[in-house]
Amino acid sequence: MSADASHPDTGPAGAAPTDTDLLEAALTRPAELTARLCDIPSVSGDEARLADAVEELLGRISAGPGPDLEIVRDGDAVIARTRLGRAERVLVAGHLDTVPIEGNVPSTRRELDGEEVVWARGACDMKAGVAMQLVTAAALRAPVRDVTWVFYDHEEVDAALNGLGRVAANRPDLLEADLAVLGEPSDAGIQGGCNGTMRVDVRTTGVRAHSARAFMGVNAIHALAPVLAVLAAHEAETVTVDGLDYRESLSAVGIRGGVAGNVVPDECVVSVNYRFAPSKSGAEAEAHLRELFAGYEVEVTDLSEGARPGLDRPIAQAFVEAIGAEPAPKLGWTDVARFSALGVPAVNFGPGNPLYAHKADEHVACAEVSAACRSLLAFLEPERSR
């Protein structure tokens, strides 16, 4: 297991420690806490054990020297918030689930390129972010802003199951805030907002015929050639939103058609993915694609709106100053968009390199987890971080 031999953790009266005991004992050791979180398997749909431990741990944190926490459970999502009457509220969210384990649990410690890392499923996506939340929650004494901590389930599967989406539908009041910080891996830097994403099917039709008498039919695959030419010639636009440059992309991601080796096909479909800047709405993105593929049948098969980072707001500027890093745009889609839909500006900020998410060699640098904790504490309670 991942526990430090120098920190033997036991439960009451020498009993075997519970999950909560092990997590609590590592609250001052961010990397160790990350490892222990990874050691509680929580593949999507199996988050209950970890959610139970986090809920109990938040209760212990609330009973400590810091501010009291109102704790709410919604399925396997856990929400805890202060009620200090501050002028601003910050929400910090992280998901508890991981993609399936790939022989990388329990965690191990390794050295890569001269630095110590936690090597495990979920290390960067995003148990290190969850550790950042819990370490900071335990360290707070008198935050200058009210804080809402959100730990949610089912992020790595179908969007309809997403725990954050469920809370937004059931209890949107729990997600009210002036700024949301999503602990997705961002190399402990700020990645503001996110691009939107849309998939459409562009369809051509023709007339079937025997390929020996192709002149009797109309080949739907051939008819798709102008669509592919448009995609091949397309130059991605870069759009500046709240000071960040979001590069768009338009790509063919799938194609299907054909009946048999001796039949001229009467239908062909190319699936197109459009990543659009958060200054565009989904409706505007759809209108753009319909104009681009005018004369063809276009069907929207998937849409997730983007999210503006809101970096023009004073509270977001204060966060940037506390972190001390130049913000970058988030080109992929994340759950920050759910906050944007609620009118809450949101940024991605968490330890870990996103390039290692979901990989067999998933890991996070121990020093980066500690640095992220210090930065978040500096924002929420500047005096305590000095």
Foldseek 3Di string as FASTA:
>chain_A
DLDDPVQDFDDPPRHRDALLSLLLSCLVQLQSNLLSLLQPAAAFVRLQRVLVSVQVNLCVLLVDQAAHWDWDDDPSKIKIKGDPPAPFEEEEEAESHFHDFDPFPNWDWDADPRFIWIWGTCSVNPSLLVSLVSSLSSLHHDWNHIYMYMYWGDFPDDPVPTRVVVCCVVPVVSVDGQEYEYAHADQQAKAFWEWKKWKKKWKFFKAKDFQVPCVVMGARVVVCVVVVVLQVPDDWDWDAALRATATKHKDFDDKDWDDDPGMRTGMIITMMMIGHHLVDFPVRVVVVVCVSSPPTDMGIDDIQHIAGQPCVDPLNVLLCVLSVDDYHHHHHDDCLSVVRVVVHRYIYGHFADPVLGPHNRGITGSVSSVSSSLSVSCSGPVVSSD
